[in-house]
Amino acid sequence: MEKKFEVKLNWKQITLLSVSVTFGYGFILYLLDNELTLKNLVAQSLIYGVAMTLFFVFLFPKLMNKLVGKRIDTIKPSLLADEVPEREIFANLFRGLEGVGGKIFLTNARLIFKSHSLNIQKGQTNIAYQDISSVTKRKTMKLIDNGIKVTSKEGKVYCFVVNNRDVELQNILDKLNL
């Protein structure tokens, strides 16, 4: 059950990120910097864009692994005496505007979200399975198909962001027998 958190990008993602960061950052610098001639400005902007790409595509993921990886790997929820964790899911839980990073733990008794220590809003959210009225798919920012919405019988809504949404949604539904 022990998972190691690591940011991994495939070559397609690296290429897409490289091109978009290079040209996006370069274009912004092009618009902001009007002291040079057009020819020098374009070259300077592209150089800045390539430098930022190297940072964000290659160095930033390694830095995030160092900073966040150990914090993610050591997340342990507070459990009840007879409670056993059965599945861990890397996730974010929206608490207001903040997407709080951490893990969902599916136990034999409840769904638990435990945040990592780098968040502003820290803590553990416990949702007993018998208190859940529905679990549905949702879109993050109404665009991205990576969200799960858990609604309690009292009407409280918990919006999560996960990888492999369909798989994780089914894992939660299996625990609820819905």
Protein backbone atom coordinates (compact mmCIF):
# COMPACT_ATOMS: atom_id res chain seq x y z
CA MET A 1 0.00 0.00 0.00
CA GLU A 2 3.02 2.28 0.29
CA LYS A 3 3.18 4.65 -2.69
CA LYS A 4 5.98 7.07 -3.50
CA PHE A 5 4.91 10.45 -4.82
CA GLU A 6 6.77 11.47 -7.94
CA VAL A 7 6.03 13.91 -10.72
CA LYS A 8 6.62 12.09 -14.01
CA LEU A 9 6.12 13.49 -17.47
CA ASN A 10 6.22 11.49 -20.68
CA TRP A 11 8.03 12.86 -23.74
CA LYS A 12 4.82 14.10 -25.33
CA GLN A 13 3.99 16.10 -22.19
CA ILE A 14 7.56 17.41 -21.94
CA THR A 15 7.51 18.50 -25.58
CA LEU A 16 4.11 20.18 -25.29
CA LEU A 17 5.09 21.89 -22.04
CA SER A 18 8.44 22.97 -23.52
CA VAL A 19 6.89 24.52 -26.60
CA SER A 20 4.05 26.23 -24.77
CA VAL A 21 6.27 27.63 -22.00
CA THR A 22 8.93 28.78 -24.45
CA PHE A 23 6.56 30.61 -26.75
CA GLY A 24 4.15 31.74 -24.04
CA TYR A 25 6.87 33.20 -21.84
CA GLY A 26 8.72 34.57 -24.84
CA PHE A 27 5.58 36.28 -26.14
CA ILE A 28 4.88 37.87 -22.75
CA LEU A 29 8.44 39.20 -22.58
CA TYR A 30 8.11 40.42 -26.14
CA LEU A 31 5.04 42.44 -25.20
CA LEU A 32 6.57 43.81 -22.00
CA ASP A 33 10.06 44.70 -23.19
CA ASN A 34 10.01 47.53 -25.72
CA GLU A 35 13.55 48.89 -25.28
CA LEU A 36 15.24 46.75 -27.94
CA THR A 37 14.84 46.62 -31.66
CA LEU A 38 12.42 44.06 -33.02
CA LYS A 39 15.17 41.67 -34.13
CA ASN A 40 16.98 41.69 -30.75
CA LEU A 41 13.74 41.57 -28.82
CA VAL A 42 12.56 38.39 -30.54
CA ALA A 43 15.92 36.67 -29.96
CA GLN A 44 16.08 37.79 -26.33
CA SER A 45 12.51 36.66 -25.71
CA LEU A 46 13.18 33.22 -27.18
CA ILE A 47 16.33 32.85 -25.07
CA TYR A 48 14.34 33.75 -21.95
CA GLY A 49 11.64 31.32 -23.00
CA VAL A 50 14.11 28.46 -23.47
CA ALA A 51 15.69 29.21 -20.07
CA MET A 52 12.30 29.14 -18.36
CA THR A 53 11.40 25.93 -20.18
CA LEU A 54 14.52 24.23 -18.89
CA PHE A 55 13.62 25.34 -15.40
CA PHE A 56 9.93 24.43 -15.42
CA VAL A 57 10.14 21.21 -17.42
CA PHE A 58 13.32 19.67 -16.03
CA LEU A 59 14.28 21.32 -12.74
CA PHE A 60 10.86 22.21 -11.29
CA PRO A 61 9.55 18.59 -11.20
CA LYS A 62 12.74 17.49 -9.41
CA LEU A 63 12.38 20.34 -6.93
CA MET A 64 8.73 19.44 -6.32
CA ASN A 65 9.70 15.81 -5.71
CA LYS A 66 12.20 16.96 -3.09
CA LEU A 67 9.83 19.42 -1.39
CA VAL A 68 6.49 17.65 -1.63
CA GLY A 69 7.43 14.02 -2.19
CA LYS A 70 8.55 13.27 1.37
CA ARG A 71 5.55 15.10 2.79
CA ILE A 72 3.15 13.08 0.61
CA ASP A 73 4.83 9.77 1.41
CA THR A 74 4.52 10.31 5.16
CA ILE A 75 0.81 11.24 5.29
CA LYS A 76 -0.91 8.99 7.80
CA PRO A 77 -4.56 9.48 8.83
CA SER A 78 -5.89 9.28 12.37
CA LEU A 79 -7.81 6.01 12.44
CA LEU A 80 -10.46 4.53 14.69
CA ALA A 81 -9.46 1.56 16.86
CA ASP A 82 -10.82 -1.07 14.45
CA GLU A 83 -10.22 0.88 11.23
CA VAL A 84 -7.89 -0.40 8.51
CA PRO A 85 -6.77 1.62 5.43
CA GLU A 86 -7.41 -0.36 2.25
CA ARG A 87 -6.56 2.11 -0.53
CA GLU A 88 -4.64 5.39 -0.90
CA ILE A 89 -5.43 7.90 -3.64
CA PHE A 90 -3.40 11.02 -4.34
CA ALA A 91 -5.93 13.86 -4.46
CA ASN A 92 -6.79 17.49 -3.91
CA LEU A 93 -9.84 18.57 -1.93
CA PHE A 94 -11.32 21.99 -2.62
CA ARG A 95 -11.77 23.91 0.61
CA GLY A 96 -13.11 27.22 -0.62
CA LEU A 97 -10.78 28.44 -3.37
CA GLU A 98 -7.80 26.38 -2.21
CA GLY A 99 -7.15 22.99 -3.76
CA VAL A 100 -5.69 21.28 -0.70
CA GLY A 101 -3.20 18.56 -1.66
CA GLY A 102 -3.03 15.22 0.12
CA LYS A 103 -4.44 11.72 0.00
CA ILE A 104 -7.81 10.02 0.15
CA PHE A 105 -7.79 6.89 2.27
CA LEU A 106 -10.53 4.34 1.71
CA THR A 107 -10.81 2.32 4.89
CA ASN A 108 -13.15 -0.40 6.03
CA ALA A 109 -15.36 2.28 7.70
CA ARG A 110 -15.02 5.63 5.95
CA LEU A 111 -13.47 7.87 3.35
CA ILE A 112 -10.69 10.02 4.86
CA PHE A 113 -8.90 12.95 3.24
CA LYS A 114 -5.64 13.94 4.94
CA SER A 115 -3.72 17.00 3.70
CA HIS A 116 0.04 17.31 3.45
CA SER A 117 1.91 19.94 5.47
CA LEU A 118 2.55 22.44 2.64
CA ASN A 119 -1.09 23.53 2.46
CA ILE A 120 -2.54 26.65 4.04
CA GLN A 121 -5.59 24.67 5.21
CA LYS A 122 -4.35 21.50 6.87
CA GLY A 123 -6.16 18.67 8.55
CA GLN A 124 -8.21 15.56 8.11
CA THR A 125 -11.74 15.26 6.70
CA ASN A 126 -13.70 12.15 7.68
CA ILE A 127 -16.78 10.96 5.80
CA ALA A 128 -18.46 7.80 7.06
CA TYR A 129 -19.73 5.63 4.21
CA GLN A 130 -23.24 5.51 5.68
CA ASP A 131 -23.32 9.36 5.60
CA ILE A 132 -22.68 9.53 1.83
CA SER A 133 -25.74 10.01 -0.38
CA SER A 134 -24.00 10.21 -3.78
CA VAL A 135 -20.66 10.05 -5.56
CA THR A 136 -20.52 11.50 -9.07
CA LYS A 137 -18.12 12.68 -11.75
CA ARG A 138 -17.39 16.40 -12.01
CA LYS A 139 -15.29 18.66 -14.18
CA THR A 140 -12.62 20.82 -12.60
CA MET A 141 -13.13 24.45 -13.70
CA LYS A 142 -15.96 23.07 -15.88
CA LEU A 143 -13.30 21.85 -18.35
CA ILE A 144 -11.14 19.02 -17.04
CA ASP A 145 -12.54 15.51 -16.50
CA ASN A 146 -10.64 14.74 -13.29
CA GLY A 147 -13.08 15.51 -10.49
CA ILE A 148 -15.19 13.47 -8.10
CA LYS A 149 -18.04 14.99 -6.09
CA VAL A 150 -19.05 13.33 -2.84
CA THR A 151 -22.32 14.55 -1.33
CA SER A 152 -23.33 13.74 2.23
CA LYS A 153 -26.89 13.06 3.39
CA GLU A 154 -26.78 16.46 5.15
CA GLY A 155 -26.06 18.14 1.78
CA LYS A 156 -22.36 18.87 2.34
CA VAL A 157 -20.41 18.64 -0.92
CA TYR A 158 -16.76 17.54 -1.16
CA CYS A 159 -15.04 18.19 -4.50
CA PHE A 160 -11.92 16.13 -5.16
CA VAL A 161 -9.40 16.15 -8.02
CA VAL A 162 -7.78 12.78 -8.76
CA ASN A 163 -5.85 10.99 -11.47
CA ASN A 164 -7.67 8.09 -13.16
CA ARG A 165 -11.04 9.47 -12.17
CA ASP A 166 -13.13 6.60 -13.51
CA VAL A 167 -11.04 3.99 -11.67
CA GLU A 168 -11.05 5.90 -8.38
CA LEU A 169 -14.77 6.70 -8.68
CA GLN A 170 -15.48 2.98 -9.06
CA ASN A 171 -13.25 2.19 -6.05
CA ILE A 172 -15.28 4.60 -3.92
CA LEU A 173 -18.60 3.28 -5.25
CA ASP A 174 -17.49 -0.28 -4.50
CA LYS A 175 -16.95 0.71 -0.86
CA LEU A 176 -20.46 2.17 -0.74
CA ASN A 177 -22.10 -0.74 -2.59
CA LEU A 178 -24.04 1.82 -4.70
